[in-house]
């Protein structure tokens, strides 16, 4: 497998995992009773808030890398005038 393709897949899967966790912990803050019952009280409101707050920086970094890896080939082809 190509190294660039492998890196893109890893970034894509990590971003997917972080997005799912970010959504679940966000719901754990706003709808804590539902999330607590689903997770058998493992994900309480304070824990959800702490995880949600700490995920923002890695989430944004992964998002920037994801967008960069997606735009980069098209941008350079357009910039250099290649078809």
N, C-alpha and C. Protein backbone atom coordinates (compact mmCIF):
# COMPACT_ATOMS: atom_id res chain seq x y z
N UNK A 1 0.84 -1.18 0.00
CA UNK A 1 0.00 0.00 0.00
C UNK A 1 0.89 1.24 0.00
N UNK A 2 0.47 2.22 -0.74
CA UNK A 2 1.20 3.47 -0.85
C UNK A 2 1.25 4.17 0.51
N UNK A 3 2.38 4.77 0.85
CA UNK A 3 2.55 5.42 2.14
C UNK A 3 1.60 6.60 2.31
N UNK A 4 1.39 7.38 1.25
CA UNK A 4 0.49 8.52 1.34
C UNK A 4 -0.95 8.07 1.57
N UNK A 5 -1.33 7.01 0.89
CA UNK A 5 -2.67 6.47 1.06
C UNK A 5 -2.87 5.93 2.47
N UNK A 6 -1.86 5.29 3.01
CA UNK A 6 -1.92 4.78 4.37
C UNK A 6 -2.08 5.91 5.38
N UNK A 7 -1.33 6.97 5.20
CA UNK A 7 -1.43 8.14 6.08
C UNK A 7 -2.82 8.76 6.00
N UNK A 8 -3.35 8.89 4.79
CA UNK A 8 -4.70 9.45 4.63
C UNK A 8 -5.74 8.59 5.31
N UNK A 9 -5.62 7.26 5.18
CA UNK A 9 -6.58 6.35 5.82
C UNK A 9 -6.50 6.46 7.34
N UNK A 10 -5.29 6.51 7.87
CA UNK A 10 -5.12 6.64 9.31
C UNK A 10 -5.74 7.93 9.82
N UNK A 11 -5.46 9.04 9.13
CA UNK A 11 -6.03 10.33 9.53
C UNK A 11 -7.55 10.30 9.42
N UNK A 12 -8.08 9.72 8.36
CA UNK A 12 -9.53 9.65 8.19
C UNK A 12 -10.19 8.84 9.31
N UNK A 13 -9.62 7.69 9.63
CA UNK A 13 -10.21 6.85 10.69
C UNK A 13 -10.07 7.51 12.06
N UNK A 14 -8.93 8.14 12.33
CA UNK A 14 -8.77 8.84 13.60
C UNK A 14 -9.77 9.99 13.72
N UNK A 15 -9.95 10.72 12.63
CA UNK A 15 -10.92 11.82 12.64
C UNK A 15 -12.33 11.30 12.86
N UNK A 16 -12.67 10.18 12.27
CA UNK A 16 -13.97 9.57 12.48
C UNK A 16 -14.16 9.19 13.94
N UNK A 17 -13.17 8.55 14.53
CA UNK A 17 -13.25 8.14 15.93
C UNK A 17 -13.38 9.37 16.84
N UNK A 18 -12.56 10.38 16.60
CA UNK A 18 -12.61 11.59 17.41
C UNK A 18 -13.96 12.30 17.26
N UNK A 19 -14.51 12.31 16.06
CA UNK A 19 -15.81 12.94 15.84
C UNK A 19 -16.90 12.22 16.62
N UNK A 20 -16.89 10.90 16.57
CA UNK A 20 -17.90 10.13 17.30
C UNK A 20 -17.77 10.37 18.81
N UNK A 21 -16.55 10.32 19.32
CA UNK A 21 -16.33 10.57 20.75
C UNK A 21 -16.74 11.99 21.11
N UNK A 22 -16.42 12.96 20.25
CA UNK A 22 -16.76 14.36 20.50
C UNK A 22 -18.28 14.54 20.57
N UNK A 23 -19.00 13.89 19.68
CA UNK A 23 -20.47 13.98 19.68
C UNK A 23 -21.04 13.31 20.93
N UNK A 24 -20.55 12.13 21.26
CA UNK A 24 -21.06 11.41 22.43
C UNK A 24 -20.79 12.17 23.72
N UNK A 25 -19.58 12.72 23.86
CA UNK A 25 -19.29 13.49 25.07
C UNK A 25 -20.05 14.80 25.10
N UNK A 26 -20.31 15.38 23.95
CA UNK A 26 -21.15 16.59 23.91
C UNK A 26 -22.56 16.28 24.37
N UNK A 27 -23.08 15.14 23.93
CA UNK A 27 -24.39 14.72 24.42
C UNK A 27 -24.32 14.37 25.91
N UNK A 28 -23.19 13.87 26.36
CA UNK A 28 -23.02 13.57 27.78
C UNK A 28 -23.05 14.80 28.65
N UNK A 29 -22.72 15.95 28.08
CA UNK A 29 -22.79 17.20 28.83
C UNK A 29 -24.22 17.74 28.80
N UNK A 30 -24.84 17.74 27.64
CA UNK A 30 -26.17 18.34 27.52
C UNK A 30 -27.30 17.38 27.90
N UNK A 31 -27.18 16.13 27.55
CA UNK A 31 -28.20 15.11 27.85
C UNK A 31 -27.58 14.02 28.72
N UNK A 32 -27.07 14.42 29.88
CA UNK A 32 -26.27 13.51 30.70
C UNK A 32 -27.07 12.32 31.23
N UNK A 33 -28.36 12.46 31.46
CA UNK A 33 -29.12 11.33 31.99
C UNK A 33 -29.22 10.20 30.98
N UNK A 34 -29.39 10.55 29.70
CA UNK A 34 -29.49 9.53 28.65
C UNK A 34 -28.15 8.82 28.48
N UNK A 35 -27.07 9.59 28.38
CA UNK A 35 -25.74 9.01 28.17
C UNK A 35 -25.30 8.18 29.38
N UNK A 36 -25.62 8.64 30.58
CA UNK A 36 -25.28 7.86 31.77
C UNK A 36 -26.00 6.52 31.78
N UNK A 37 -27.25 6.51 31.37
CA UNK A 37 -27.98 5.23 31.36
C UNK A 37 -27.47 4.31 30.25
N UNK A 38 -27.09 4.87 29.12
CA UNK A 38 -26.56 4.05 28.02
C UNK A 38 -25.20 3.44 28.39
N UNK A 39 -24.36 4.24 29.04
CA UNK A 39 -23.00 3.78 29.37
C UNK A 39 -22.90 3.18 30.78
N UNK A 40 -24.02 2.89 31.39
CA UNK A 40 -24.07 2.29 32.73
C UNK A 40 -23.28 3.15 33.74
N UNK A 41 -23.48 4.44 33.69
CA UNK A 41 -22.87 5.44 34.58
C UNK A 41 -21.35 5.52 34.48
N UNK A 42 -20.78 5.03 33.39
CA UNK A 42 -19.34 5.18 33.19
C UNK A 42 -18.99 6.56 32.66
N UNK A 43 -19.90 7.15 31.90
CA UNK A 43 -19.67 8.47 31.31
C UNK A 43 -20.63 9.46 31.97
N UNK A 44 -20.18 10.03 33.08
CA UNK A 44 -21.00 10.99 33.81
C UNK A 44 -20.82 12.38 33.21
N UNK A 45 -21.61 13.33 33.71
CA UNK A 45 -21.54 14.68 33.18
C UNK A 45 -20.16 15.32 33.37
N UNK A 46 -19.54 15.24 34.57
CA UNK A 46 -18.20 15.85 34.71
C UNK A 46 -17.14 15.18 33.84
N UNK A 47 -17.20 13.86 33.73
CA UNK A 47 -16.23 13.15 32.89
C UNK A 47 -16.44 13.50 31.42
N UNK A 48 -17.70 13.56 30.99
CA UNK A 48 -18.00 13.96 29.61
C UNK A 48 -17.49 15.35 29.31
N UNK A 49 -17.69 16.26 30.25
CA UNK A 49 -17.23 17.64 30.04
C UNK A 49 -15.71 17.70 29.95
N UNK A 50 -15.03 16.95 30.80
CA UNK A 50 -13.57 16.96 30.78
C UNK A 50 -13.03 16.37 29.47
N UNK A 51 -13.58 15.24 29.04
CA UNK A 51 -13.14 14.62 27.77
C UNK A 51 -13.46 15.55 26.61
N UNK A 52 -14.66 16.11 26.59
CA UNK A 52 -15.08 17.00 25.51
C UNK A 52 -14.16 18.22 25.42
N UNK A 53 -13.82 18.77 26.55
CA UNK A 53 -12.93 19.95 26.57
C UNK A 53 -11.52 19.62 26.11
N UNK A 54 -11.04 18.45 26.48
CA UNK A 54 -9.67 18.06 26.11
C UNK A 54 -9.55 17.56 24.67
N UNK A 55 -10.66 17.25 24.03
CA UNK A 55 -10.62 16.74 22.65
C UNK A 55 -10.55 17.82 21.58
N UNK A 56 -10.82 19.05 21.94
CA UNK A 56 -10.93 20.09 20.91
C UNK A 56 -9.62 20.30 20.14
N UNK A 57 -8.50 20.34 20.82
CA UNK A 57 -7.22 20.59 20.13
C UNK A 57 -6.83 19.43 19.21
N UNK A 58 -6.85 18.17 19.69
CA UNK A 58 -6.53 17.08 18.75
C UNK A 58 -7.54 16.98 17.60
N UNK A 59 -8.80 17.27 17.88
CA UNK A 59 -9.83 17.23 16.84
C UNK A 59 -9.55 18.26 15.75
N UNK A 60 -9.23 19.48 16.15
CA UNK A 60 -8.94 20.53 15.17
C UNK A 60 -7.67 20.21 14.39
N UNK A 61 -6.66 19.68 15.05
CA UNK A 61 -5.42 19.31 14.36
C UNK A 61 -5.68 18.23 13.32
N UNK A 62 -6.44 17.20 13.70
CA UNK A 62 -6.78 16.14 12.74
C UNK A 62 -7.62 16.69 11.59
N UNK A 63 -8.53 17.59 11.89
CA UNK A 63 -9.35 18.19 10.84
C UNK A 63 -8.51 18.99 9.86
N UNK A 64 -7.56 19.75 10.36
CA UNK A 64 -6.67 20.53 9.49
C UNK A 64 -5.82 19.60 8.62
N UNK A 65 -5.28 18.54 9.21
CA UNK A 65 -4.49 17.57 8.44
C UNK A 65 -5.35 16.91 7.37
N UNK A 66 -6.57 16.55 7.74
CA UNK A 66 -7.49 15.91 6.80
C UNK A 66 -7.79 16.83 5.61
N UNK A 67 -8.08 18.08 5.89
CA UNK A 67 -8.38 19.04 4.81
C UNK A 67 -7.14 19.28 3.97
N UNK A 68 -5.98 19.41 4.60
CA UNK A 68 -4.74 19.63 3.87
C UNK A 68 -4.44 18.47 2.93
N UNK A 69 -4.59 17.25 3.43
CA UNK A 69 -4.31 16.09 2.58
C UNK A 69 -5.32 15.94 1.45
N UNK A 70 -6.51 16.46 1.63
CA UNK A 70 -7.53 16.38 0.59
C UNK A 70 -7.36 17.46 -0.47
N UNK A 71 -6.96 18.66 -0.05
CA UNK A 71 -6.86 19.79 -0.98
C UNK A 71 -5.52 19.84 -1.68
N UNK A 72 -4.47 19.42 -1.03
CA UNK A 72 -3.10 19.58 -1.53
C UNK A 72 -2.89 19.12 -2.96
N UNK A 73 -3.27 17.90 -3.35
CA UNK A 73 -3.00 17.49 -4.75
C UNK A 73 -3.75 18.35 -5.77
N UNK A 74 -5.00 18.68 -5.49
CA UNK A 74 -5.79 19.48 -6.42
C UNK A 74 -5.26 20.90 -6.49
N UNK A 75 -4.84 21.44 -5.35
CA UNK A 75 -4.34 22.81 -5.31
C UNK A 75 -3.07 22.96 -6.12
N UNK A 76 -2.12 22.03 -5.95
CA UNK A 76 -0.86 22.13 -6.66
C UNK A 76 -1.04 21.89 -8.16
N UNK A 77 -1.95 21.01 -8.54
CA UNK A 77 -2.20 20.79 -9.96
C UNK A 77 -2.76 22.05 -10.60
N UNK A 78 -3.68 22.70 -9.90
CA UNK A 78 -4.29 23.93 -10.41
C UNK A 78 -3.26 25.06 -10.44
N UNK A 79 -2.44 25.13 -9.41
CA UNK A 79 -1.42 26.18 -9.31
C UNK A 79 -0.39 26.05 -10.42
N UNK A 80 0.00 24.81 -10.73
CA UNK A 80 1.01 24.58 -11.76
C UNK A 80 0.41 24.50 -13.17
N UNK A 81 -0.88 24.52 -13.25
CA UNK A 81 -1.53 24.51 -14.56
C UNK A 81 -1.60 23.14 -15.20
N UNK A 82 -1.44 22.09 -14.41
CA UNK A 82 -1.55 20.73 -14.95
C UNK A 82 -2.99 20.28 -14.93
N UNK A 83 -3.30 19.39 -15.86
CA UNK A 83 -4.67 18.86 -15.93
C UNK A 83 -4.75 17.48 -15.37
